[in-house]
Structures are given as structure tokens and as C-alpha cells.
Protein backbone atom coordinates (compact mmCIF):
# COMPACT_ATOMS: atom_id res chain seq x y z
CA MET A 1 16.78 14.42 -5.58
CA SER A 2 15.11 11.02 -5.34
CA THR A 3 13.99 8.80 -8.16
CA LEU A 4 10.64 7.05 -7.82
CA LEU A 5 9.71 3.84 -9.61
CA VAL A 6 5.92 3.93 -9.93
CA GLN A 7 3.55 1.16 -11.00
CA THR A 8 0.50 2.88 -12.48
CA LEU A 9 -2.91 1.61 -11.39
CA TYR A 10 -5.07 0.54 -14.34
CA THR A 11 -7.47 -2.03 -12.85
CA GLU A 12 -5.60 -3.23 -9.75
CA LEU A 13 -2.13 -3.49 -8.28
CA LEU A 14 -1.33 -6.55 -6.21
CA GLN A 15 1.56 -7.28 -3.84
CA GLU A 16 1.99 -10.80 -2.46
CA VAL A 17 3.31 -10.94 1.12
CA SER A 18 4.47 -14.00 3.07
CA ILE A 19 4.34 -13.95 6.84
CA ASP A 20 6.85 -16.45 8.17
CA THR A 21 6.58 -16.28 11.92
CA SER A 22 5.62 -18.77 14.58
CA GLU A 23 3.77 -16.12 16.59
CA ARG A 24 0.66 -14.15 15.75
CA ILE A 25 1.21 -10.54 14.65
CA HIS A 26 -1.13 -7.73 15.73
CA ILE A 27 -1.26 -5.11 12.99
CA GLY A 28 -2.25 -1.56 13.83
CA CYS A 29 -1.59 -0.01 10.41
CA ILE A 30 -0.47 -0.84 6.88
CA SER A 31 0.81 2.09 4.83
CA PRO A 32 1.32 1.66 1.08
CA TYR A 33 3.63 4.21 -0.57
CA ILE A 34 1.29 5.91 -3.06
CA TYR A 35 1.91 8.46 -5.81
CA PHE A 36 -0.95 10.78 -6.81
CA HIS A 37 -0.64 12.57 -10.15
CA ASN A 38 -3.64 14.93 -10.46
CA CYS A 39 -6.12 12.05 -10.25
CA ALA A 40 -9.80 11.68 -9.41
CA GLY A 41 -11.65 8.66 -8.09
CA VAL A 42 -12.14 6.57 -4.99
CA PHE A 43 -9.22 4.28 -4.24
CA THR A 44 -9.47 1.09 -2.19
CA PHE A 45 -6.65 -0.61 -0.33
CA GLU A 46 -7.19 -4.16 0.98
CA LEU A 47 -5.41 -6.91 2.87
CA ILE A 48 -6.57 -10.27 1.48
CA LYS A 49 -6.13 -13.88 2.62
CA ASP A 50 -7.60 -16.77 0.62
CA SER A 51 -9.83 -14.41 -1.44
CA GLU A 52 -11.29 -12.88 1.75
CA SER A 53 -10.77 -9.20 2.51
CA LEU A 54 -9.46 -8.93 6.09
CA MET A 55 -9.13 -5.16 6.02
CA SER A 56 -10.28 -2.54 3.54
CA ALA A 57 -10.26 1.25 3.37
CA ASP A 58 -11.30 3.81 0.76
CA PHE A 59 -9.57 7.16 0.21
CA THR A 60 -9.49 10.01 -2.30
CA LEU A 61 -6.82 12.50 -3.31
CA SER A 62 -8.86 15.24 -1.63
CA GLU A 63 -8.85 13.36 1.71
CA VAL A 64 -5.09 12.80 1.52
CA LYS A 65 -4.48 16.47 0.69
CA THR A 66 -6.54 17.52 3.73
CA ALA A 67 -4.78 15.00 6.01
CA ILE A 68 -1.29 16.21 5.10
CA GLY A 69 -2.20 19.88 4.76
CA THR A 70 -1.41 20.54 1.10
CA THR A 71 -3.21 21.87 -1.96
CA SER A 72 -0.90 20.08 -4.41
CA ASN A 73 -2.38 17.50 -6.79
CA TYR A 74 1.01 15.77 -7.01
CA ILE A 75 1.88 13.83 -3.87
CA HIS A 76 3.93 10.80 -2.87
CA SER A 77 3.29 9.58 0.64
CA PHE A 78 2.83 6.52 2.82
CA ILE A 79 -0.97 6.38 3.26
CA PRO A 80 -1.93 4.95 6.69
CA ILE A 81 -4.67 2.32 6.46
CA MET A 82 -5.83 1.40 9.96
CA PRO A 83 -8.28 -1.33 11.01
CA LEU A 84 -10.88 -0.43 13.64
CA THR A 85 -9.30 -2.96 15.97
CA PRO A 86 -5.81 -4.50 15.71
CA LEU A 87 -5.75 -7.21 13.06
CA LYS A 88 -4.46 -10.63 14.13
CA ILE A 89 -2.28 -12.12 11.39
CA GLU A 90 -0.79 -15.60 11.42
CA LYS A 91 1.80 -17.37 9.31
CA GLY A 92 0.78 -17.61 5.66
CA SER A 93 0.43 -15.86 2.32
CA TYR A 94 -1.46 -12.59 1.99
CA SER A 95 -2.11 -10.05 -0.76
CA LEU A 96 -2.16 -6.27 -0.61
CA ARG A 97 -4.41 -4.81 -3.31
CA LEU A 98 -4.97 -1.29 -4.61
CA SER A 99 -8.01 -0.74 -6.83
CA ALA A 100 -10.25 2.16 -7.85
CA SER A 101 -13.69 3.28 -8.95
CA GLY A 102 -14.58 6.44 -10.87
CA TYR A 103 -11.02 6.54 -12.16
CA SER A 104 -9.67 6.78 -15.73
CA PRO A 105 -5.87 6.86 -15.88
CA ASN A 106 -4.04 8.81 -18.57
CA ALA A 107 -0.66 10.54 -18.95
CA SER A 108 -1.75 13.63 -16.99
CA SER A 109 -3.98 11.97 -14.36
CA PHE A 110 -3.16 8.73 -12.57
CA ILE A 111 -2.37 7.05 -9.25
CA GLY A 112 0.44 4.60 -8.70
CA TRP A 113 2.10 2.45 -6.08
CA ILE A 114 5.80 3.17 -5.63
CA GLN A 115 8.26 0.31 -5.84
CA GLN A 116 11.18 -0.05 -3.46
CA PHE A 117 14.26 1.43 -5.09
CA GLU A 118 16.83 3.60 -3.33
CA ASP A 119 15.74 2.70 0.22
CA VAL A 120 14.80 -0.99 0.20
CA GLN A 121 13.02 -1.62 3.51
CA ASN A 122 10.94 -4.74 2.94
CA VAL A 123 12.71 -8.08 2.63
CA MET A 124 11.88 -9.80 -0.65
CA SER A 125 11.54 -13.58 -0.85
CA TYR A 126 13.23 -13.57 -4.26
CA LEU A 127 16.26 -11.98 -5.87
CA PRO A 128 15.16 -9.27 -8.32
CA LEU A 129 17.06 -9.35 -11.62
CA ASP A 130 16.62 -5.58 -12.02
CA ASP A 131 14.85 -2.69 -10.28
CA SER A 132 11.61 -3.26 -12.19
CA GLN A 133 11.17 -6.49 -10.20
CA ASN A 134 11.45 -4.81 -6.79
CA SER A 135 8.40 -5.21 -4.57
CA LEU A 136 5.88 -2.42 -4.03
CA ALA A 137 6.76 -0.30 -0.98
CA PHE A 138 4.69 -0.41 2.20
CA ARG A 139 5.15 -0.18 5.94
CA VAL A 140 3.51 -2.23 8.68
CA LYS A 141 3.01 -1.00 12.23
CA GLU A 142 2.59 -3.87 14.63
CA PHE A 143 1.78 -3.93 18.32
CA LYS A 144 4.32 -5.67 20.53
CA GLU A 145 2.55 -5.37 23.91
CA GLY A 146 -0.85 -4.69 25.39
CA ILE A 147 -3.08 -6.64 22.99
CA LEU A 148 -5.39 -9.28 24.41
């Protein structure tokens, strides 16, 4: 059995990301690792640079349930957020943000972003003192060839 560390969404959850590459990256998908606990609302995931939203997508629990073929109201899954065209990212600091509308969290109904814990995949630019300081989990799919 796995243990999940979940940061509950109240107003917003923010993850700072530093891109430290000399070449431009072409992103095809960013997938935050989200936990749904019987929640209602419209959830928004964004990629932000210098207060400007570069990519944004809305989703609901109902849409996720349909996409993965389940009727359960309790789900943990990487949610694919795809731009209409590949996003060109250059060296710098970015933020990943999860926010909501029409959502009131409580003990029996909430959404959260899962922190890296047992399977740390993303390199952190700092040394966490304990597991509560681990970064929020997400995956990035980038194109290596074929982008103009």
C-alpha cells in the first residue's frame, strides 16, 4: 500500500519551478498529481511566468471520472493538461498553480495536490528537512524532435 502526502487546496496551491537549460523546451503536456476526495467545483491549473498565464485549463471531478472510466469520487491521478500547440519554454522561473471556483473544502469533500514522497521524480533545488517540504508532484512531457 502507498502513502500519499496531500496538500489540500483552500484558495490556491503554488509550485515554483526553475528551468535551467541553455536550449528552449517544447512542452506538450504538464500533469499535476491530483487527489480528489468527493469534491465539487471547477478546478484550474496554470503555468505562470512573471504574473502572466502561459497555459491554463479547467477540469472537474466529473470530467476526470469520465476520462479514466470510473464512478468513484475518490481518485488520485496525474491529470494531463495540454496546450493547443506545444509551449516554448526558456530558462527561468515559472509557477504551477492550482485554484478553484464553486468549491468549499471540508473534511469529507476536498481536492489536493500530492507531494513527492515514496517515488521522488522531480529534482528539487533545495534539500528538504522532512517530507512535508517535498515539492508537489507533476510530470512534464516535452517534444525532442519535429517542432518548428
